Protein backbone atom coordinates (compact mmCIF):
# COMPACT_ATOMS: atom_id res chain seq x y z
CA MET A 1 122.75 70.61 98.31
CA GLY A 2 119.07 69.23 98.29
CA GLY A 3 115.92 70.82 99.53
CA ARG A 4 114.02 73.45 97.90
CA LEU A 5 112.07 76.33 99.37
CA ILE A 6 108.15 75.87 98.51
CA LEU A 7 106.04 79.07 98.51
CA LEU A 8 102.44 78.84 97.93
CA PRO A 9 101.18 82.21 97.26
CA GLY A 10 97.75 84.38 98.89
CA LEU A 11 94.34 83.93 97.76
CA ALA A 12 93.26 85.28 93.88
CA ALA A 13 96.94 85.56 93.94
CA ASP A 14 99.45 83.93 91.79
CA GLU A 15 103.62 83.35 91.32
CA ARG A 16 103.98 86.95 90.06
CA MET A 17 103.68 87.80 93.83
CA TYR A 18 106.94 86.73 94.57
CA GLN A 19 108.65 88.18 91.41
CA GLY A 20 110.38 90.49 93.70
CA ILE A 21 111.75 88.04 95.82
CA ASN A 22 115.81 87.09 95.46
CA CYS A 23 116.42 83.72 97.90
CA SER A 24 119.97 83.55 97.25
CA CYS A 25 120.72 80.00 99.33
CA ARG A 26 117.91 77.88 97.66
CA GLU A 27 116.26 76.65 95.19
CA LEU A 28 112.73 79.15 95.10
CA VAL A 29 109.74 77.07 93.55
CA THR A 30 106.34 79.48 93.65
CA PRO A 31 103.68 77.78 92.36
CA ARG A 32 99.77 78.87 91.52
CA LEU A 33 97.29 77.66 93.50
CA LEU A 34 95.25 74.37 92.66
CA ILE A 35 91.57 75.59 92.14
CA PRO A 36 90.21 73.33 95.26
CA ARG A 37 87.11 71.19 95.02
CA ARG A 38 83.50 72.22 96.63
CA GLN A 39 83.53 71.26 99.66
CA GLU A 40 87.07 70.21 99.80
CA THR A 41 88.23 69.93 103.16
CA MET A 42 91.98 71.56 103.91
CA ALA A 43 93.55 68.54 104.94
CA CYS A 44 92.37 67.37 101.12
CA TYR A 45 93.30 70.05 99.75
CA ALA A 46 96.80 70.44 101.02
CA ARG A 47 97.46 66.56 100.22
CA ARG A 48 96.83 67.47 96.54
CA HIS A 49 99.95 70.05 96.62
CA VAL A 50 101.89 67.72 98.56
CA GLU A 51 101.38 64.89 95.40
CA ALA A 52 101.70 68.09 92.33
CA LEU A 53 104.21 69.39 93.81
CA ASP A 54 106.41 66.31 95.16
CA VAL A 55 107.02 67.65 98.54
CA ALA A 56 109.92 65.78 100.16
CA ALA A 57 111.35 65.51 103.81
CA ASP A 58 114.35 67.94 102.79
CA ASP A 59 112.31 70.94 101.76
CA VAL A 60 110.74 73.89 103.48
CA VAL A 61 107.30 74.72 103.18
CA GLY A 62 105.51 77.89 103.15
CA GLY A 63 103.13 80.44 101.94
CA CYS A 64 101.71 84.07 102.25
CA SER A 65 98.53 85.16 103.60
CA PHE A 66 95.97 81.91 102.40
CA GLY A 67 99.01 80.15 101.04
CA SER A 68 100.80 79.78 104.39
CA LEU A 69 97.58 78.57 105.61
CA VAL A 70 97.86 75.43 103.09
CA ALA A 71 101.75 74.90 103.64
CA SER A 72 100.59 74.90 107.74
CA GLU A 73 98.30 71.73 106.88
CA ILE A 74 101.15 70.16 104.60
CA ALA A 75 103.47 70.65 107.64
CA ARG A 76 101.45 68.95 109.74
CA GLN A 77 100.41 66.01 107.95
CA HIS A 78 103.76 65.32 105.73
CA PRO A 79 107.40 65.51 106.68
CA CYS A 80 109.45 68.64 105.72
CA ARG A 81 112.34 70.48 107.12
CA GLY A 82 110.44 73.61 108.19
CA LEU A 83 107.46 76.14 107.84
CA VAL A 84 107.95 79.93 106.66
CA LEU A 85 105.33 82.19 106.91
CA LEU A 86 104.67 85.55 104.90
CA SER A 87 101.96 87.95 106.58
CA GLY A 88 100.56 84.49 107.22
CA ALA A 89 98.92 82.09 110.19
CA VAL A 90 98.66 78.40 111.17
CA SER A 91 94.93 78.57 111.39
CA SER A 92 91.87 80.77 110.43
CA GLN A 93 91.97 81.93 114.44
CA ALA A 94 94.19 84.84 113.26
CA ILE A 95 92.48 86.44 110.01
CA VAL A 96 90.73 89.60 111.45
CA SER A 97 86.63 89.87 111.98
CA LYS A 98 86.16 92.00 108.90
CA GLY A 99 87.89 89.28 106.70
CA GLN A 100 86.09 86.42 108.07
CA GLN A 101 83.04 88.22 107.58
CA LEU A 102 83.94 88.82 103.95
CA ASN A 103 84.49 85.37 103.19
CA ARG A 104 81.35 84.27 104.28
CA TRP A 105 79.33 87.03 102.63
CA ALA A 106 81.15 85.92 99.44
CA THR A 107 79.23 82.33 99.16
CA TRP A 108 76.19 84.38 98.53
CA ILE A 109 77.43 87.37 96.46
CA PRO A 110 77.85 87.10 92.95
CA TYR A 111 81.63 86.95 91.71
CA PRO A 112 81.80 89.52 89.42
CA VAL A 113 80.36 92.27 92.62
CA ILE A 114 82.93 90.20 94.65
CA ARG A 115 85.95 90.64 92.03
CA HIS A 116 84.67 94.48 91.82
CA ILE A 117 84.60 95.03 95.14
CA LEU A 118 88.60 93.39 95.33
CA THR A 119 89.89 95.80 92.73
CA ARG A 120 88.94 98.81 93.86
CA ARG A 121 91.60 101.09 94.96
CA TRP A 122 90.89 101.50 98.32
CA PHE A 123 90.90 97.78 99.29
CA LEU A 124 94.11 97.31 96.95
CA GLN A 125 95.40 99.91 99.70
CA ARG A 126 93.72 98.88 102.64
CA VAL A 127 95.77 95.31 101.66
CA PHE A 128 98.71 96.44 100.80
CA GLY A 129 99.19 99.31 103.48
CA GLY A 130 99.79 101.41 100.85
CA GLY A 131 101.99 100.45 97.99
CA THR A 132 102.89 102.06 94.50
CA GLU A 133 101.19 102.54 91.54
CA ALA A 134 102.51 99.61 89.96
CA GLN A 135 102.10 97.39 92.92
CA LEU A 136 98.52 97.81 93.09
CA ALA A 137 98.44 97.53 89.34
CA LEU A 138 99.99 93.70 90.18
CA GLY A 139 97.43 93.48 93.01
CA ARG A 140 94.61 94.19 90.36
CA THR A 141 95.61 92.09 87.23
CA MET A 142 96.45 88.91 89.82
CA ILE A 143 92.71 89.43 91.26
CA LEU A 144 91.28 89.74 87.47
CA GLU A 145 92.88 87.23 86.31
CA ALA A 146 91.97 84.87 89.01
CA PRO A 147 89.55 81.84 88.89
CA ALA A 148 86.25 82.35 90.56
CA GLN A 149 86.09 78.88 92.12
CA LEU A 150 89.58 79.61 93.62
CA VAL A 151 88.32 82.95 95.14
CA ARG A 152 85.10 81.45 96.61
CA GLU A 153 86.60 77.98 96.89
CA GLY A 154 89.33 79.21 98.90
CA GLY A 155 87.67 81.88 100.64
CA ARG A 156 85.63 79.08 102.37
CA LEU A 157 88.72 77.55 103.34
CA ALA A 158 90.56 80.45 104.32
CA VAL A 159 87.97 81.09 107.37
CA SER A 160 87.04 77.47 108.39
CA TYR A 161 90.42 75.85 109.36
CA PHE A 162 90.69 75.42 112.93
CA PRO A 163 93.10 72.30 113.22
CA GLN A 164 93.79 70.40 116.32
CA GLN A 165 97.45 69.06 115.20
CA ASP A 166 100.25 71.24 116.09
CA ILE A 167 103.46 71.86 114.01
CA ALA A 168 106.35 69.63 114.32
CA VAL A 169 108.59 70.85 112.71
CA PRO A 170 110.08 74.87 113.14
CA VAL A 171 107.93 77.64 112.22
CA PHE A 172 109.29 81.27 111.31
CA ALA A 173 107.24 84.14 110.66
CA LEU A 174 107.70 87.56 109.05
CA HIS A 175 104.58 89.61 109.39
CA GLY A 176 103.64 93.47 108.75
CA ALA A 177 102.87 95.53 111.91
CA GLN A 178 100.19 97.01 109.69
CA ASP A 179 98.72 94.09 108.68
CA GLN A 180 94.96 94.72 108.60
CA VAL A 181 93.98 91.12 107.19
CA ILE A 182 95.68 88.55 109.50
CA ARG A 183 96.81 88.73 113.16
CA PRO A 184 100.89 88.47 113.52
CA PRO A 185 100.91 84.65 114.94
CA GLN A 186 101.89 83.87 118.54
CA LEU A 187 105.38 82.41 117.75
CA SER A 188 108.97 82.68 119.47
CA GLU A 189 110.26 83.05 115.54
CA LEU A 190 108.13 86.18 114.77
CA GLU A 191 109.97 88.78 112.89
CA LEU A 192 107.76 92.40 113.16
CA LEU A 193 107.98 95.03 110.07
CA ASP A 194 106.93 98.08 111.71
CA GLU A 195 105.94 99.96 108.37
CA ALA A 196 104.70 97.25 106.27
CA GLY A 197 100.89 95.67 105.82
CA HIS A 198 99.75 92.74 104.35
CA GLY A 199 100.98 93.06 101.01
CA MET A 200 104.76 93.14 102.35
CA VAL A 201 106.13 90.20 99.73
CA VAL A 202 105.36 92.71 97.21
CA SER A 203 105.99 96.10 98.96
CA HIS A 204 108.93 95.23 101.06
CA ALA A 205 110.60 91.96 98.90
CA ASN A 206 114.34 92.91 99.65
CA THR A 207 113.51 92.60 103.48
CA VAL A 208 111.53 89.85 102.68
CA SER A 209 114.33 87.94 100.76
CA GLN A 210 116.70 88.53 103.31
CA PHE A 211 114.27 87.00 105.78
CA LEU A 212 113.95 84.16 103.48
CA ASP A 213 118.14 83.34 103.39
CA ARG A 214 118.04 83.69 107.31
CA CYS A 215 115.57 81.29 107.69
CA CYS A 216 117.34 78.90 105.01
CA GLN A 217 120.72 79.23 106.90
CA GLU A 218 118.93 78.14 109.81
CA LEU A 219 117.07 75.38 108.57
CA PHE A 220 119.69 73.75 106.09
């Protein structure tokens, strides 16, 4: 049958964010993000993921939040079948101004302070758009276990990615209407979840799974 669906996680998250996803029509690959090197460009960072994952022309690439930006650059520079954005975007232009400010400030703030802010209940609820206690606990655990350099350098990449090249493959996007981190991308193939926030992959896993199945049916 051939072809995989590769989904990269969000910043300060890992493959556990996709534990509720069930994509029935394709092999689902959910790797951890590589640690960005200091001052590495998004183009080089994406290229390292291509090599590490052995991305093929028959694969669909995608991701959530920061992972969607990395996947967008992969789709720009490497042959693939399509791109899937979950609470995502194709450039940093879609990140809300408060998110851009937070990532810029993080360059100068001691990492323990950053981690303290990211794991506060009010912050997690804002990102998730609510969320159950178990979902908030998962988010907190992933943040606490995320390498400091991933969060710092990933944050820098997240707010400095303004590519000039268009994406030549089909792009599908699912976005929470209540997302307070990234604005919905301006795409023809965009679906909005009225009640969902930025953490919809966790909070609305069944709906996201159905969306992914529809994408695969169109792309394969």
